[in-house]
N, C-alpha and C. Protein backbone atom coordinates (compact mmCIF):
# COMPACT_ATOMS: atom_id res chain seq x y z
N MET A 1 10.94 -46.58 -7.46
CA MET A 1 12.22 -45.93 -7.48
C MET A 1 12.83 -45.94 -6.09
N GLY A 2 14.05 -46.26 -6.04
CA GLY A 2 14.75 -46.29 -4.76
C GLY A 2 15.38 -44.95 -4.45
N LYS A 3 15.64 -44.76 -3.20
CA LYS A 3 16.30 -43.53 -2.79
C LYS A 3 17.79 -43.66 -3.07
N SER A 4 18.35 -42.54 -3.49
CA SER A 4 19.79 -42.56 -3.70
C SER A 4 20.42 -41.44 -2.90
N SER A 5 21.61 -41.62 -2.52
CA SER A 5 22.32 -40.63 -1.72
C SER A 5 22.97 -39.60 -2.63
N VAL A 6 22.98 -38.38 -2.15
CA VAL A 6 23.66 -37.31 -2.86
C VAL A 6 24.74 -36.78 -1.95
N PHE A 7 25.92 -36.70 -2.48
CA PHE A 7 27.03 -36.22 -1.68
C PHE A 7 27.48 -34.87 -2.23
N ILE A 8 27.63 -33.92 -1.33
CA ILE A 8 28.15 -32.62 -1.71
C ILE A 8 29.24 -32.23 -0.73
N LYS A 9 30.08 -31.35 -1.19
CA LYS A 9 31.16 -30.89 -0.31
C LYS A 9 30.56 -30.02 0.79
N ILE A 10 31.14 -30.11 1.95
CA ILE A 10 30.68 -29.32 3.09
C ILE A 10 30.75 -27.83 2.77
N ASP A 11 31.80 -27.40 2.09
CA ASP A 11 31.94 -25.98 1.75
C ASP A 11 30.77 -25.53 0.87
N ASN A 12 30.41 -26.35 -0.10
CA ASN A 12 29.28 -26.01 -0.97
C ASN A 12 27.97 -25.99 -0.18
N TYR A 13 27.82 -26.93 0.72
CA TYR A 13 26.62 -26.99 1.55
C TYR A 13 26.49 -25.74 2.40
N ARG A 14 27.58 -25.31 3.00
CA ARG A 14 27.57 -24.10 3.82
C ARG A 14 27.27 -22.87 2.97
N GLU A 15 27.81 -22.81 1.76
CA GLU A 15 27.52 -21.69 0.86
C GLU A 15 26.02 -21.64 0.54
N VAL A 16 25.47 -22.81 0.29
CA VAL A 16 24.04 -22.87 -0.01
C VAL A 16 23.23 -22.41 1.20
N LEU A 17 23.58 -22.85 2.38
CA LEU A 17 22.89 -22.42 3.59
C LEU A 17 23.00 -20.91 3.79
N ASP A 18 24.20 -20.37 3.55
CA ASP A 18 24.40 -18.92 3.67
C ASP A 18 23.54 -18.17 2.66
N LEU A 19 23.48 -18.67 1.43
CA LEU A 19 22.66 -18.02 0.40
C LEU A 19 21.17 -18.08 0.77
N ILE A 20 20.75 -19.21 1.32
CA ILE A 20 19.36 -19.34 1.73
C ILE A 20 19.05 -18.35 2.85
N ASP A 21 19.95 -18.21 3.81
CA ASP A 21 19.76 -17.24 4.90
C ASP A 21 19.69 -15.82 4.34
N GLU A 22 20.57 -15.51 3.40
CA GLU A 22 20.58 -14.18 2.79
C GLU A 22 19.26 -13.92 2.06
N LEU A 23 18.78 -14.91 1.33
CA LEU A 23 17.50 -14.78 0.63
C LEU A 23 16.35 -14.56 1.61
N LYS A 24 16.37 -15.27 2.73
CA LYS A 24 15.33 -15.10 3.74
C LYS A 24 15.32 -13.67 4.27
N GLN A 25 16.52 -13.14 4.54
CA GLN A 25 16.64 -11.77 5.04
C GLN A 25 16.12 -10.77 4.01
N GLN A 26 16.49 -10.99 2.75
CA GLN A 26 16.03 -10.09 1.70
C GLN A 26 14.51 -10.16 1.55
N LEU A 27 13.95 -11.34 1.64
CA LEU A 27 12.50 -11.49 1.56
C LEU A 27 11.81 -10.78 2.72
N GLU A 28 12.38 -10.87 3.89
CA GLU A 28 11.82 -10.15 5.05
C GLU A 28 11.85 -8.65 4.81
N GLY A 29 12.95 -8.17 4.22
CA GLY A 29 13.06 -6.75 3.90
C GLY A 29 12.02 -6.33 2.88
N VAL A 30 11.83 -7.14 1.87
CA VAL A 30 10.83 -6.84 0.84
C VAL A 30 9.44 -6.86 1.46
N GLN A 31 9.17 -7.82 2.32
CA GLN A 31 7.87 -7.90 2.99
C GLN A 31 7.62 -6.66 3.83
N GLY A 32 8.66 -6.21 4.53
CA GLY A 32 8.53 -4.99 5.33
C GLY A 32 8.22 -3.78 4.45
N THR A 33 8.89 -3.70 3.31
CA THR A 33 8.63 -2.60 2.37
C THR A 33 7.20 -2.66 1.85
N LEU A 34 6.74 -3.84 1.51
CA LEU A 34 5.36 -4.00 1.04
C LEU A 34 4.36 -3.62 2.12
N ASP A 35 4.65 -3.98 3.35
CA ASP A 35 3.76 -3.61 4.46
C ASP A 35 3.70 -2.09 4.62
N GLU A 36 4.86 -1.44 4.50
CA GLU A 36 4.89 0.02 4.60
C GLU A 36 4.11 0.66 3.45
N LEU A 37 4.28 0.15 2.24
CA LEU A 37 3.56 0.67 1.09
C LEU A 37 2.05 0.48 1.24
N THR A 38 1.66 -0.66 1.77
CA THR A 38 0.24 -0.93 1.99
C THR A 38 -0.34 0.05 3.00
N ALA A 39 0.38 0.28 4.08
CA ALA A 39 -0.08 1.23 5.10
C ALA A 39 -0.17 2.64 4.51
N LEU A 40 0.82 3.01 3.71
CA LEU A 40 0.82 4.34 3.09
C LEU A 40 -0.36 4.48 2.13
N ARG A 41 -0.62 3.45 1.37
CA ARG A 41 -1.74 3.49 0.43
C ARG A 41 -3.08 3.61 1.16
N GLU A 42 -3.22 2.88 2.26
CA GLU A 42 -4.45 2.98 3.06
C GLU A 42 -4.62 4.39 3.61
N LYS A 43 -3.52 4.99 4.06
CA LYS A 43 -3.58 6.36 4.58
C LYS A 43 -3.97 7.32 3.45
N GLU A 44 -3.38 7.13 2.28
CA GLU A 44 -3.72 7.98 1.13
C GLU A 44 -5.20 7.83 0.76
N ASP A 45 -5.69 6.60 0.78
CA ASP A 45 -7.10 6.37 0.47
C ASP A 45 -8.01 7.10 1.45
N GLN A 46 -7.65 7.07 2.74
CA GLN A 46 -8.44 7.77 3.74
C GLN A 46 -8.40 9.29 3.51
N GLU A 47 -7.23 9.80 3.14
CA GLU A 47 -7.09 11.22 2.84
C GLU A 47 -7.97 11.60 1.64
N LEU A 48 -7.97 10.78 0.61
CA LEU A 48 -8.79 11.05 -0.58
C LEU A 48 -10.28 11.05 -0.23
N ILE A 49 -10.69 10.12 0.62
CA ILE A 49 -12.09 10.08 1.05
C ILE A 49 -12.44 11.37 1.78
N MET A 50 -11.54 11.83 2.65
CA MET A 50 -11.78 13.06 3.39
C MET A 50 -11.86 14.26 2.43
N TRP A 51 -10.95 14.31 1.46
CA TRP A 51 -10.97 15.41 0.48
C TRP A 51 -12.26 15.42 -0.32
N LYS A 52 -12.72 14.23 -0.70
CA LYS A 52 -13.98 14.14 -1.45
C LYS A 52 -15.15 14.65 -0.61
N LYS A 53 -15.17 14.32 0.68
CA LYS A 53 -16.23 14.81 1.56
C LYS A 53 -16.20 16.33 1.66
N HIS A 54 -14.99 16.88 1.83
CA HIS A 54 -14.86 18.33 1.92
C HIS A 54 -15.27 19.00 0.60
N LEU A 55 -14.87 18.43 -0.50
CA LEU A 55 -15.23 18.97 -1.81
C LEU A 55 -16.74 18.94 -2.01
N HIS A 56 -17.35 17.86 -1.58
CA HIS A 56 -18.81 17.75 -1.68
C HIS A 56 -19.50 18.80 -0.81
N ALA A 57 -18.96 19.02 0.38
CA ALA A 57 -19.53 20.03 1.28
C ALA A 57 -19.39 21.42 0.67
N VAL A 58 -18.23 21.72 0.08
CA VAL A 58 -18.03 23.02 -0.57
C VAL A 58 -19.01 23.16 -1.75
N HIS A 59 -19.18 22.10 -2.50
CA HIS A 59 -20.11 22.12 -3.63
C HIS A 59 -21.54 22.40 -3.14
N ASP A 60 -21.94 21.73 -2.08
CA ASP A 60 -23.28 21.95 -1.51
C ASP A 60 -23.44 23.39 -1.02
N ASN A 61 -22.41 23.90 -0.34
CA ASN A 61 -22.48 25.28 0.14
C ASN A 61 -22.56 26.27 -1.02
N LEU A 62 -21.79 26.03 -2.05
CA LEU A 62 -21.83 26.89 -3.22
C LEU A 62 -23.19 26.84 -3.90
N ALA A 63 -23.78 25.67 -3.97
CA ALA A 63 -25.12 25.54 -4.55
C ALA A 63 -26.14 26.31 -3.72
N THR A 64 -26.01 26.25 -2.41
CA THR A 64 -26.93 26.99 -1.53
C THR A 64 -26.77 28.50 -1.73
N VAL A 65 -25.54 28.97 -1.79
CA VAL A 65 -25.29 30.39 -2.02
C VAL A 65 -25.84 30.80 -3.38
N ASP A 66 -25.58 30.01 -4.39
CA ASP A 66 -26.08 30.31 -5.74
C ASP A 66 -27.60 30.37 -5.75
N LYS A 67 -28.22 29.40 -5.10
CA LYS A 67 -29.69 29.37 -5.06
C LYS A 67 -30.23 30.60 -4.33
N THR A 68 -29.58 30.94 -3.21
CA THR A 68 -30.02 32.10 -2.43
C THR A 68 -29.88 33.38 -3.25
N LEU A 69 -28.77 33.53 -3.93
CA LEU A 69 -28.56 34.73 -4.76
C LEU A 69 -29.56 34.77 -5.92
N PHE A 70 -29.82 33.63 -6.50
CA PHE A 70 -30.75 33.58 -7.63
C PHE A 70 -32.16 33.95 -7.18
N GLU A 71 -32.56 33.46 -5.99
CA GLU A 71 -33.89 33.78 -5.46
C GLU A 71 -34.01 35.27 -5.15
N VAL A 72 -32.94 35.89 -4.65
CA VAL A 72 -32.96 37.32 -4.33
C VAL A 72 -33.13 38.14 -5.61
N ASP A 73 -32.48 37.73 -6.70
CA ASP A 73 -32.59 38.44 -7.97
C ASP A 73 -34.00 38.37 -8.53
N ASN A 74 -34.73 37.34 -8.26
CA ASN A 74 -36.07 37.17 -8.81
C ASN A 74 -37.13 37.91 -8.01
N GLU A 75 -36.83 38.34 -6.83
CA GLU A 75 -37.84 39.00 -5.98
C GLU A 75 -38.00 40.44 -6.30
């Protein structure tokens, strides 16, 4: 197959270039939003891990108190 030339009007070519630039800008904006969401999700995950640790510590303390009270009742 041979190469063939395609001719377009300069005005149409410029419109296409402008649209491509606009799309690039929008994609950059979307990428920035995704980056922010990813960072927020990572922060939320870290917060959840911390809450789970605190909840586990409270559970352990409550179990210790319960055990201590139960042992006192049996004596």
